[in-house]
């Protein structure tokens, strides 16, 4: 007979279980929670042994929950909710401006003056350390994947405290040499660097709605950094956020256009962290700095250079 202790649950085991449930692969789940996949495999094996049954069936599509796993899932999720709520409560009592602030933001913002704001903040508050997570995935603040999230979006409907900081605009950018070829002909004879449009396609909805609807797509990229780099190398024009494109030393705003409204820049945090000293200081500082440079993110509607 199993002893009562053999059924005692370890929160780490539930974390491993939830990670594999959500991601579906051992390596992906291990990366998601910051352990190696050998540790994850071993701990889940021991967990299944203690429970007396398998939690997952493995197939070519990945891991699928068994009935035991399905029965365990809602309980594990409730434990996770309680643990993260406790964490937020304890952190929210922190009244001293010291410690780490975890910030999630999309890759594009790494190329804007917001990085200068980060540097000024750490100069002003040397006891506060910033951990910045760059990802185009939306961080789940409820599960404490980050303390604060910077997000570019039309609207935000999460259960979070949100500040709409500034509207953002975008425009077409290219090198000075390429700009000299641009005439007022709606883009005829020009090329734009595409994203993931199907091979063979020479246009896209975003291009048809631009100031250069007669331009064609040439070349493709799947990430922002090569998109900017190729444009700065003279391979064509690229639509970029004005706060990014105007800052790049190798790019100019293409002629015969006006910046187009894009989305808004939001600063988000979980409501339980509003009174945490270091969080409050960072949020107020960053919001003030960004709002003071409003026209950097949404320039006036003047023609390009």
C-alpha atoms as a PDB file:
ATOM      1  CA  UNK A   1       0.000   0.000   0.000  1.00  0.00           C
ATOM      2  CA  UNK A   2       1.249   3.467  -0.828  1.00  0.00           C
ATOM      3  CA  UNK A   3       2.005   5.696   2.134  1.00  0.00           C
ATOM      4  CA  UNK A   4       0.181   9.048   2.434  1.00  0.00           C
ATOM      5  CA  UNK A   5       3.471  10.765   1.637  1.00  0.00           C
ATOM      6  CA  UNK A   6       3.629   9.063  -1.770  1.00  0.00           C
ATOM      7  CA  UNK A   7       0.611  11.122  -2.864  1.00  0.00           C
ATOM      8  CA  UNK A   8       2.046  14.478  -1.692  1.00  0.00           C
ATOM      9  CA  UNK A   9       2.250  16.834  -4.665  1.00  0.00           C
ATOM     10  CA  UNK A  10       5.203  19.049  -5.470  1.00  0.00           C
ATOM     11  CA  UNK A  11       4.383  22.387  -7.128  1.00  0.00           C
ATOM     12  CA  UNK A  12       7.360  21.923  -9.477  1.00  0.00           C
ATOM     13  CA  UNK A  13       5.814  18.668 -10.752  1.00  0.00           C
ATOM     14  CA  UNK A  14       2.614  20.514 -11.571  1.00  0.00           C
ATOM     15  CA  UNK A  15       4.625  23.213 -13.381  1.00  0.00           C
ATOM     16  CA  UNK A  16       6.307  20.568 -15.523  1.00  0.00           C
ATOM     17  CA  UNK A  17       2.954  18.936 -16.196  1.00  0.00           C
ATOM     18  CA  UNK A  18       1.323  22.237 -17.227  1.00  0.00           C
ATOM     19  CA  UNK A  19       4.263  23.213 -19.431  1.00  0.00           C
ATOM     20  CA  UNK A  20       4.139  19.971 -21.414  1.00  0.00           C
ATOM     21  CA  UNK A  21       0.350  20.201 -21.647  1.00  0.00           C
ATOM     22  CA  UNK A  22       0.553  23.702 -23.159  1.00  0.00           C
ATOM     23  CA  UNK A  23       3.585  23.320 -25.413  1.00  0.00           C
ATOM     24  CA  UNK A  24       3.248  19.676 -26.465  1.00  0.00           C
ATOM     25  CA  UNK A  25       6.964  18.863 -26.825  1.00  0.00           C
ATOM     26  CA  UNK A  26       9.570  18.011 -24.178  1.00  0.00           C
ATOM     27  CA  UNK A  27      12.183  20.436 -25.451  1.00  0.00           C
ATOM     28  CA  UNK A  28       9.705  23.286 -25.912  1.00  0.00           C
ATOM     29  CA  UNK A  29       8.200  22.733 -22.455  1.00  0.00           C
ATOM     30  CA  UNK A  30      11.647  22.610 -20.852  1.00  0.00           C
ATOM     31  CA  UNK A  31      12.652  25.864 -22.545  1.00  0.00           C
ATOM     32  CA  UNK A  32       9.409  27.499 -21.450  1.00  0.00           C
ATOM     33  CA  UNK A  33      10.146  26.950 -17.755  1.00  0.00           C
ATOM     34  CA  UNK A  34      13.938  27.186 -17.884  1.00  0.00           C
ATOM     35  CA  UNK A  35      15.048  23.596 -17.258  1.00  0.00           C
ATOM     36  CA  UNK A  36      16.721  21.034 -19.506  1.00  0.00           C
ATOM     37  CA  UNK A  37      14.536  18.410 -21.134  1.00  0.00           C
ATOM     38  CA  UNK A  38      16.314  15.581 -19.276  1.00  0.00           C
ATOM     39  CA  UNK A  39      15.209  17.062 -15.957  1.00  0.00           C
ATOM     40  CA  UNK A  40      11.677  17.531 -17.258  1.00  0.00           C
ATOM     41  CA  UNK A  41      11.484  13.934 -18.491  1.00  0.00           C
ATOM     42  CA  UNK A  42      12.841  12.519 -15.241  1.00  0.00           C
ATOM     43  CA  UNK A  43      10.545  14.570 -13.017  1.00  0.00           C
ATOM     44  CA  UNK A  44       7.452  13.750 -15.050  1.00  0.00           C
ATOM     45  CA  UNK A  45       8.369  10.060 -14.946  1.00  0.00           C
ATOM     46  CA  UNK A  46       8.665  10.153 -11.157  1.00  0.00           C
ATOM     47  CA  UNK A  47       5.415  12.113 -10.949  1.00  0.00           C
ATOM     48  CA  UNK A  48       3.567   9.509 -13.021  1.00  0.00           C
ATOM     49  CA  UNK A  49       5.032   6.741 -10.847  1.00  0.00           C
ATOM     50  CA  UNK A  50       3.783   8.450  -7.693  1.00  0.00           C
ATOM     51  CA  UNK A  51       0.327   8.848  -9.252  1.00  0.00           C
ATOM     52  CA  UNK A  52       0.239   5.253 -10.462  1.00  0.00           C
ATOM     53  CA  UNK A  53      -0.561   6.021 -14.087  1.00  0.00           C
ATOM     54  CA  UNK A  54       0.482   7.839 -17.253  1.00  0.00           C
ATOM     55  CA  UNK A  55      -0.385  11.519 -17.734  1.00  0.00           C
ATOM     56  CA  UNK A  56       0.434  11.654 -21.455  1.00  0.00           C
ATOM     57  CA  UNK A  57       0.210   9.523 -24.569  1.00  0.00           C
ATOM     58  CA  UNK A  58       2.991  10.209 -27.056  1.00  0.00           C
ATOM     59  CA  UNK A  59       2.339  10.291 -30.825  1.00  0.00           C
ATOM     60  CA  UNK A  60       3.858  11.773 -33.981  1.00  0.00           C
ATOM     61  CA  UNK A  61       1.894  14.961 -33.233  1.00  0.00           C
ATOM     62  CA  UNK A  62       3.412  15.308 -29.754  1.00  0.00           C
ATOM     63  CA  UNK A  63       2.009  14.604 -26.305  1.00  0.00           C
ATOM     64  CA  UNK A  64      -1.711  14.205 -25.594  1.00  0.00           C
ATOM     65  CA  UNK A  65      -3.307  14.023 -22.153  1.00  0.00           C
ATOM     66  CA  UNK A  66      -4.570  10.684 -20.899  1.00  0.00           C
ATOM     67  CA  UNK A  67      -7.754  10.555 -18.836  1.00  0.00           C
ATOM     68  CA  UNK A  68      -5.613  10.846 -15.701  1.00  0.00           C
ATOM     69  CA  UNK A  69      -3.993  13.941 -17.165  1.00  0.00           C
ATOM     70  CA  UNK A  70      -7.366  15.427 -18.075  1.00  0.00           C
ATOM     71  CA  UNK A  71      -8.584  14.828 -14.514  1.00  0.00           C
ATOM     72  CA  UNK A  72      -5.473  16.473 -13.066  1.00  0.00           C
ATOM     73  CA  UNK A  73      -5.444  19.511 -15.389  1.00  0.00           C
ATOM     74  CA  UNK A  74      -8.148  21.722 -13.766  1.00  0.00           C
ATOM     75  CA  UNK A  75      -6.650  21.126 -10.312  1.00  0.00           C
ATOM     76  CA  UNK A  76      -3.149  21.992 -11.522  1.00  0.00           C
ATOM     77  CA  UNK A  77      -4.446  25.176 -13.140  1.00  0.00           C
ATOM     78  CA  UNK A  78      -6.163  26.223  -9.893  1.00  0.00           C
ATOM     79  CA  UNK A  79      -2.946  25.631  -7.947  1.00  0.00           C
ATOM     80  CA  UNK A  80      -1.071  27.731 -10.525  1.00  0.00           C
ATOM     81  CA  UNK A  81      -3.603  30.545 -10.156  1.00  0.00           C
ATOM     82  CA  UNK A  82      -3.248  30.516  -6.379  1.00  0.00           C
ATOM     83  CA  UNK A  83       0.557  30.443  -6.501  1.00  0.00           C
ATOM     84  CA  UNK A  84       0.774  33.357  -8.958  1.00  0.00           C
ATOM     85  CA  UNK A  85      -1.797  35.326  -6.961  1.00  0.00           C
ATOM     86  CA  UNK A  86       0.272  34.773  -3.815  1.00  0.00           C
ATOM     87  CA  UNK A  87       3.411  35.866  -5.670  1.00  0.00           C
ATOM     88  CA  UNK A  88       1.756  39.065  -6.875  1.00  0.00           C
ATOM     89  CA  UNK A  89       0.463  39.813  -3.384  1.00  0.00           C
ATOM     90  CA  UNK A  90       3.884  39.398  -1.791  1.00  0.00           C
ATOM     91  CA  UNK A  91       5.626  41.442  -4.470  1.00  0.00           C
ATOM     92  CA  UNK A  92       2.928  44.098  -4.212  1.00  0.00           C
ATOM     93  CA  UNK A  93       3.887  44.668  -0.573  1.00  0.00           C
ATOM     94  CA  UNK A  94       7.417  45.624  -1.576  1.00  0.00           C
ATOM     95  CA  UNK A  95       7.751  49.293  -0.633  1.00  0.00           C
ATOM     96  CA  UNK A  96      11.473  49.703  -1.383  1.00  0.00           C
ATOM     97  CA  UNK A  97      12.696  50.826  -4.832  1.00  0.00           C
ATOM     98  CA  UNK A  98      15.067  47.934  -5.370  1.00  0.00           C
ATOM     99  CA  UNK A  99      15.046  44.532  -7.031  1.00  0.00           C
ATOM    100  CA  UNK A 100      14.228  43.381 -10.571  1.00  0.00           C
ATOM    101  CA  UNK A 101      11.559  44.605 -12.977  1.00  0.00           C
ATOM    102  CA  UNK A 102      10.698  42.114 -15.738  1.00  0.00           C
ATOM    103  CA  UNK A 103       9.551  43.800 -18.957  1.00  0.00           C
ATOM    104  CA  UNK A 104       8.164  42.123 -22.065  1.00  0.00           C
ATOM    105  CA  UNK A 105       8.157  43.949 -25.408  1.00  0.00           C
ATOM    106  CA  UNK A 106       8.180  43.218 -29.149  1.00  0.00           C
ATOM    107  CA  UNK A 107      11.490  43.141 -31.010  1.00  0.00           C
ATOM    108  CA  UNK A 108      10.755  46.361 -32.909  1.00  0.00           C
ATOM    109  CA  UNK A 109      10.875  48.489 -29.754  1.00  0.00           C
ATOM    110  CA  UNK A 110      14.492  47.440 -29.212  1.00  0.00           C
ATOM    111  CA  UNK A 111      15.393  49.674 -32.161  1.00  0.00           C
ATOM    112  CA  UNK A 112      13.691  52.785 -30.772  1.00  0.00           C
ATOM    113  CA  UNK A 113      14.651  55.450 -28.246  1.00  0.00           C
ATOM    114  CA  UNK A 114      12.854  53.465 -25.546  1.00  0.00           C
ATOM    115  CA  UNK A 115      16.212  51.767 -24.993  1.00  0.00           C
ATOM    116  CA  UNK A 116      17.634  55.184 -24.081  1.00  0.00           C
ATOM    117  CA  UNK A 117      14.803  55.555 -21.565  1.00  0.00           C
ATOM    118  CA  UNK A 118      15.836  52.264 -19.996  1.00  0.00           C
ATOM    119  CA  UNK A 119      19.415  53.486 -19.638  1.00  0.00           C
ATOM    120  CA  UNK A 120      18.322  56.770 -18.043  1.00  0.00           C
ATOM    121  CA  UNK A 121      16.075  54.900 -15.622  1.00  0.00           C
ATOM    122  CA  UNK A 122      18.861  52.614 -14.429  1.00  0.00           C
ATOM    123  CA  UNK A 123      21.159  55.627 -13.982  1.00  0.00           C
ATOM    124  CA  UNK A 124      18.520  57.283 -11.828  1.00  0.00           C
ATOM    125  CA  UNK A 125      17.640  54.138  -9.836  1.00  0.00           C
ATOM    126  CA  UNK A 126      20.814  52.004  -9.642  1.00  0.00           C
ATOM    127  CA  UNK A 127      19.259  49.574  -7.140  1.00  0.00           C
ATOM    128  CA  UNK A 128      16.649  48.474  -9.683  1.00  0.00           C
ATOM    129  CA  UNK A 129      17.662  45.907 -12.287  1.00  0.00           C
ATOM    130  CA  UNK A 130      15.785  45.488 -15.561  1.00  0.00           C
ATOM    131  CA  UNK A 131      15.187  42.111 -17.182  1.00  0.00           C
ATOM    132  CA  UNK A 132      13.897  42.691 -20.704  1.00  0.00           C
ATOM    133  CA  UNK A 133      12.206  39.863 -22.613  1.00  0.00           C
ATOM    134  CA  UNK A 134      12.030  40.518 -26.350  1.00  0.00           C
ATOM    135  CA  UNK A 135       9.262  38.547 -28.004  1.00  0.00           C
ATOM    136  CA  UNK A 136       6.435  39.124 -30.451  1.00  0.00           C
ATOM    137  CA  UNK A 137       4.297  36.784 -28.335  1.00  0.00           C
ATOM    138  CA  UNK A 138       1.993  38.451 -25.838  1.00  0.00           C
ATOM    139  CA  UNK A 139       3.207  37.956 -22.274  1.00  0.00           C
ATOM    140  CA  UNK A 140       0.630  36.639 -19.806  1.00  0.00           C
ATOM    141  CA  UNK A 141       0.856  39.085 -16.898  1.00  0.00           C
ATOM    142  CA  UNK A 142      -1.636  37.093 -14.841  1.00  0.00           C
ATOM    143  CA  UNK A 143       0.760  34.139 -14.786  1.00  0.00           C
ATOM    144  CA  UNK A 144       3.691  36.473 -13.952  1.00  0.00           C
ATOM    145  CA  UNK A 145       5.485  35.861 -17.255  1.00  0.00           C
ATOM    146  CA  UNK A 146       6.441  39.524 -16.877  1.00  0.00           C
ATOM    147  CA  UNK A 147       5.757  42.396 -14.472  1.00  0.00           C
ATOM    148  CA  UNK A 148       5.182  44.934 -17.221  1.00  0.00           C
ATOM    149  CA  UNK A 149       4.382  44.622 -20.900  1.00  0.00           C
ATOM    150  CA  UNK A 150       4.866  47.135 -23.689  1.00  0.00           C
ATOM    151  CA  UNK A 151       2.477  46.285 -26.477  1.00  0.00           C
ATOM    152  CA  UNK A 152       1.622  47.794 -29.857  1.00  0.00           C
ATOM    153  CA  UNK A 153      -2.085  47.140 -30.407  1.00  0.00           C
ATOM    154  CA  UNK A 154      -5.424  48.687 -31.301  1.00  0.00           C
ATOM    155  CA  UNK A 155      -7.069  47.604 -28.037  1.00  0.00           C
ATOM    156  CA  UNK A 156      -6.172  45.625 -24.917  1.00  0.00           C
ATOM    157  CA  UNK A 157      -8.780  43.476 -23.181  1.00  0.00           C
ATOM    158  CA  UNK A 158      -6.612  41.582 -20.645  1.00  0.00           C
ATOM    159  CA  UNK A 159      -7.364  41.748 -16.914  1.00  0.00           C
ATOM    160  CA  UNK A 160      -4.582  44.286 -16.452  1.00  0.00           C
ATOM    161  CA  UNK A 161      -4.050  47.961 -15.742  1.00  0.00           C
ATOM    162  CA  UNK A 162      -3.345  49.595 -19.085  1.00  0.00           C
ATOM    163  CA  UNK A 163      -2.074  52.973 -20.203  1.00  0.00           C
ATOM    164  CA  UNK A 164      -2.421  54.015 -23.827  1.00  0.00           C
ATOM    165  CA  UNK A 165       0.763  56.038 -24.171  1.00  0.00           C
ATOM    166  CA  UNK A 166       0.938  57.333 -27.746  1.00  0.00           C
ATOM    167  CA  UNK A 167      -0.444  56.551 -31.188  1.00  0.00           C
ATOM    168  CA  UNK A 168       2.076  55.061 -33.610  1.00  0.00           C
ATOM    169  CA  UNK A 169       2.502  55.723 -37.316  1.00  0.00           C
ATOM    170  CA  UNK A 170       4.436  53.944 -40.031  1.00  0.00           C
ATOM    171  CA  UNK A 171       5.986  55.027 -43.317  1.00  0.00           C
ATOM    172  CA  UNK A 172       8.083  53.711 -46.187  1.00  0.00           C
ATOM    173  CA  UNK A 173      11.861  53.925 -45.686  1.00  0.00           C
ATOM    174  CA  UNK A 174      14.823  53.426 -47.974  1.00  0.00           C
ATOM    175  CA  UNK A 175      18.398  54.606 -48.524  1.00  0.00           C
ATOM    176  CA  UNK A 176      19.120  58.129 -49.787  1.00  0.00           C
ATOM    177  CA  UNK A 177      20.244  56.691 -53.114  1.00  0.00           C
ATOM    178  CA  UNK A 178      17.042  54.709 -53.492  1.00  0.00           C
ATOM    179  CA  UNK A 179      14.993  57.780 -52.508  1.00  0.00           C
ATOM    180  CA  UNK A 180      16.540  59.689 -55.422  1.00  0.00           C
ATOM    181  CA  UNK A 181      14.801  57.232 -57.792  1.00  0.00           C
ATOM    182  CA  UNK A 182      11.355  57.858 -56.312  1.00  0.00           C
ATOM    183  CA  UNK A 183       9.026  60.025 -58.376  1.00  0.00           C
ATOM    184  CA  UNK A 184       5.443  61.060 -57.867  1.00  0.00           C
ATOM    185  CA  UNK A 185       3.991  58.123 -59.816  1.00  0.00           C
ATOM    186  CA  UNK A 186       2.429  56.051 -57.001  1.00  0.00           C
ATOM    187  CA  UNK A 187       5.411  53.725 -56.809  1.00  0.00           C
ATOM    188  CA  UNK A 188       5.613  52.481 -60.396  1.00  0.00           C
ATOM    189  CA  UNK A 189       8.997  50.821 -60.978  1.00  0.00           C
ATOM    190  CA  UNK A 190       9.795  50.606 -57.241  1.00  0.00           C
ATOM    191  CA  UNK A 191      10.217  47.534 -55.054  1.00  0.00           C
ATOM    192  CA  UNK A 192       9.166  46.799 -51.482  1.00  0.00           C
ATOM    193  CA  UNK A 193      10.695  44.076 -49.325  1.00  0.00           C
ATOM    194  CA  UNK A 194       7.894  41.715 -48.377  1.00  0.00           C
ATOM    195  CA  UNK A 195       7.261  39.625 -45.293  1.00  0.00           C
ATOM    196  CA  UNK A 196       5.802  36.147 -45.672  1.00  0.00           C
ATOM    197  CA  UNK A 197       3.624  36.700 -48.729  1.00  0.00           C
ATOM    198  CA  UNK A 198       3.237  33.631 -50.994  1.00  0.00           C
ATOM    199  CA  UNK A 199       6.008  33.067 -53.501  1.00  0.00           C
ATOM    200  CA  UNK A 200       5.164  34.683 -56.830  1.00  0.00           C
ATOM    201  CA  UNK A 201       2.885  37.339 -55.357  1.00  0.00           C
ATOM    202  CA  UNK A 202       3.910  40.810 -56.479  1.00  0.00           C
ATOM    203  CA  UNK A 203       1.612  42.821 -54.234  1.00  0.00           C
ATOM    204  CA  UNK A 204      -0.234  42.649 -50.898  1.00  0.00           C
ATOM    205  CA  UNK A 205      -3.174  44.409 -49.251  1.00  0.00           C
ATOM    206  CA  UNK A 206      -0.867  46.604 -47.176  1.00  0.00           C
ATOM    207  CA  UNK A 207       0.957  47.720 -50.318  1.00  0.00           C
ATOM    208  CA  UNK A 208      -2.269  48.462 -52.217  1.00  0.00           C
ATOM    209  CA  UNK A 209      -3.379  50.690 -49.312  1.00  0.00           C
ATOM    210  CA  UNK A 210      -0.072  52.573 -49.216  1.00  0.00           C
ATOM    211  CA  UNK A 211       1.131  55.698 -51.037  1.00  0.00           C
ATOM    212  CA  UNK A 212       2.891  53.416 -53.533  1.00  0.00           C
ATOM    213  CA  UNK A 213       0.207  50.970 -54.747  1.00  0.00           C
ATOM    214  CA  UNK A 214       1.952  50.446 -58.115  1.00  0.00           C
ATOM    215  CA  UNK A 215       5.169  49.235 -56.468  1.00  0.00           C
ATOM    216  CA  UNK A 216       5.877  45.512 -56.465  1.00  0.00           C
ATOM    217  CA  UNK A 217       7.125  43.072 -53.853  1.00  0.00           C
ATOM    218  CA  UNK A 218      10.621  41.766 -54.306  1.00  0.00           C
ATOM    219  CA  UNK A 219      12.489  39.619 -51.770  1.00  0.00           C
ATOM    220  CA  UNK A 220      10.944  38.253 -48.573  1.00  0.00           C
ATOM    221  CA  UNK A 221      11.917  38.212 -44.908  1.00  0.00           C
ATOM    222  CA  UNK A 222      10.411  36.594 -41.832  1.00  0.00           C
ATOM    223  CA  UNK A 223      11.827  38.862 -39.121  1.00  0.00           C
ATOM    224  CA  UNK A 224      12.220  42.573 -38.433  1.00  0.00           C
ATOM    225  CA  UNK A 225      16.018  42.821 -38.194  1.00  0.00           C
ATOM    226  CA  UNK A 226      16.707  41.475 -41.703  1.00  0.00           C
ATOM    227  CA  UNK A 227      13.799  43.583 -42.977  1.00  0.00           C
ATOM    228  CA  UNK A 228      15.506  46.751 -41.745  1.00  0.00           C
ATOM    229  CA  UNK A 229      18.975  45.578 -42.778  1.00  0.00           C
ATOM    230  CA  UNK A 230      17.968  44.775 -46.353  1.00  0.00           C
ATOM    231  CA  UNK A 231      16.302  48.160 -46.744  1.00  0.00           C
ATOM    232  CA  UNK A 232      19.428  49.883 -45.395  1.00  0.00           C
ATOM    233  CA  UNK A 233      21.466  47.886 -47.925  1.00  0.00           C
ATOM    234  CA  UNK A 234      19.487  49.386 -50.806  1.00  0.00           C
ATOM    235  CA  UNK A 235      17.503  46.301 -51.790  1.00  0.00           C
ATOM    236  CA  UNK A 236      14.190  48.136 -51.740  1.00  0.00           C
ATOM    237  CA  UNK A 237      11.798  50.022 -49.523  1.00  0.00           C
ATOM    238  CA  UNK A 238      10.328  48.815 -46.245  1.00  0.00           C
ATOM    239  CA  UNK A 239       7.323  49.918 -44.218  1.00  0.00           C
ATOM    240  CA  UNK A 240       8.527  50.586 -40.675  1.00  0.00           C
ATOM    241  CA  UNK A 241       7.293  52.271 -37.526  1.00  0.00           C
ATOM    242  CA  UNK A 242       8.370  55.925 -37.697  1.00  0.00           C
ATOM    243  CA  UNK A 243       9.995  55.694 -34.260  1.00  0.00           C
ATOM    244  CA  UNK A 244      12.250  53.005 -35.706  1.00  0.00           C
ATOM    245  CA  UNK A 245      12.812  54.188 -39.284  1.00  0.00           C
ATOM    246  CA  UNK A 246      13.537  57.825 -38.413  1.00  0.00           C
ATOM    247  CA  UNK A 247      16.179  56.678 -35.940  1.00  0.00           C
ATOM    248  CA  UNK A 248      18.110  54.409 -38.324  1.00  0.00           C
ATOM    249  CA  UNK A 249      21.245  56.151 -39.682  1.00  0.00           C
ATOM    250  CA  UNK A 250      21.083  54.360 -43.037  1.00  0.00           C
ATOM    251  CA  UNK A 251      17.435  55.090 -43.838  1.00  0.00           C
ATOM    252  CA  UNK A 252      15.343  58.096 -44.862  1.00  0.00           C
ATOM    253  CA  UNK A 253      11.611  58.476 -45.189  1.00  0.00           C
ATOM    254  CA  UNK A 254      10.739  57.986 -48.849  1.00  0.00           C
ATOM    255  CA  UNK A 255       9.320  61.001 -50.772  1.00  0.00           C
ATOM    256  CA  UNK A 256       5.721  61.676 -51.774  1.00  0.00           C
ATOM    257  CA  UNK A 257       4.029  60.136 -48.763  1.00  0.00           C
ATOM    258  CA  UNK A 258       2.614  60.944 -45.363  1.00  0.00           C
ATOM    259  CA  UNK A 259       2.954  58.698 -42.279  1.00  0.00           C
ATOM    260  CA  UNK A 260       0.066  56.279 -41.975  1.00  0.00           C
ATOM    261  CA  UNK A 261      -1.675  55.656 -38.623  1.00  0.00           C
ATOM    262  CA  UNK A 262      -0.808  52.212 -37.314  1.00  0.00           C
ATOM    263  CA  UNK A 263      -1.624  51.177 -33.752  1.00  0.00           C
ATOM    264  CA  UNK A 264      -1.174  52.505 -30.216  1.00  0.00           C
ATOM    265  CA  UNK A 265       1.664  51.898 -27.797  1.00  0.00           C
ATOM    266  CA  UNK A 266       0.372  50.490 -24.495  1.00  0.00           C
ATOM    267  CA  UNK A 267       2.072  50.051 -21.140  1.00  0.00           C
ATOM    268  CA  UNK A 268       0.464  47.250 -19.128  1.00  0.00           C
ATOM    269  CA  UNK A 269       0.865  45.750 -15.659  1.00  0.00           C
ATOM    270  CA  UNK A 270      -1.156  43.501 -13.397  1.00  0.00           C
ATOM    271  CA  UNK A 271      -3.325  45.463 -10.987  1.00  0.00           C
ATOM    272  CA  UNK A 272      -1.799  43.660  -7.963  1.00  0.00           C
ATOM    273  CA  UNK A 273       1.604  45.248  -8.726  1.00  0.00           C
ATOM    274  CA  UNK A 274       0.443  48.863  -8.861  1.00  0.00           C
ATOM    275  CA  UNK A 275       1.760  49.693  -5.376  1.00  0.00           C
ATOM    276  CA  UNK A 276       5.120  47.960  -5.735  1.00  0.00           C
ATOM    277  CA  UNK A 277       7.698  50.737  -5.469  1.00  0.00           C
ATOM    278  CA  UNK A 278      10.052  49.667  -8.251  1.00  0.00           C
ATOM    279  CA  UNK A 279       7.151  48.900 -10.621  1.00  0.00           C
ATOM    280  CA  UNK A 280       5.480  52.222  -9.901  1.00  0.00           C
ATOM    281  CA  UNK A 281       8.717  54.147 -10.444  1.00  0.00           C
ATOM    282  CA  UNK A 282       9.415  52.421 -13.747  1.00  0.00           C
ATOM    283  CA  UNK A 283       5.877  52.800 -15.099  1.00  0.00           C
ATOM    284  CA  UNK A 284       5.648  56.498 -14.224  1.00  0.00           C
ATOM    285  CA  UNK A 285       9.132  57.249 -15.537  1.00  0.00           C
ATOM    286  CA  UNK A 286       8.674  55.449 -18.852  1.00  0.00           C
ATOM    287  CA  UNK A 287       5.191  56.839 -19.474  1.00  0.00           C
ATOM    288  CA  UNK A 288       6.394  60.406 -18.918  1.00  0.00           C
ATOM    289  CA  UNK A 289       9.444  59.979 -21.170  1.00  0.00           C
ATOM    290  CA  UNK A 290       7.515  58.432 -24.053  1.00  0.00           C
ATOM    291  CA  UNK A 291       4.640  60.921 -23.910  1.00  0.00           C
ATOM    292  CA  UNK A 292       7.135  63.789 -24.011  1.00  0.00           C
ATOM    293  CA  UNK A 293       8.302  62.463 -27.398  1.00  0.00           C
ATOM    294  CA  UNK A 294       4.848  61.887 -28.850  1.00  0.00           C
ATOM    295  CA  UNK A 295       5.742  63.187 -32.318  1.00  0.00           C
ATOM    296  CA  UNK A 296       8.586  60.680 -32.533  1.00  0.00           C
ATOM    297  CA  UNK A 297       6.048  57.853 -32.581  1.00  0.00           C
ATOM    298  CA  UNK A 298       3.407  59.683 -34.603  1.00  0.00           C
ATOM    299  CA  UNK A 299       5.054  62.403 -36.734  1.00  0.00           C
ATOM    300  CA  UNK A 300       3.006  65.265 -38.223  1.00  0.00           C
ATOM    301  CA  UNK A 301       1.429  64.596 -41.609  1.00  0.00           C
ATOM    302  CA  UNK A 302       4.150  66.225 -43.672  1.00  0.00           C
ATOM    303  CA  UNK A 303       5.581  64.888 -46.910  1.00  0.00           C
ATOM    304  CA  UNK A 304       8.664  62.685 -46.771  1.00  0.00           C
ATOM    305  CA  UNK A 305      12.138  64.020 -47.553  1.00  0.00           C
END
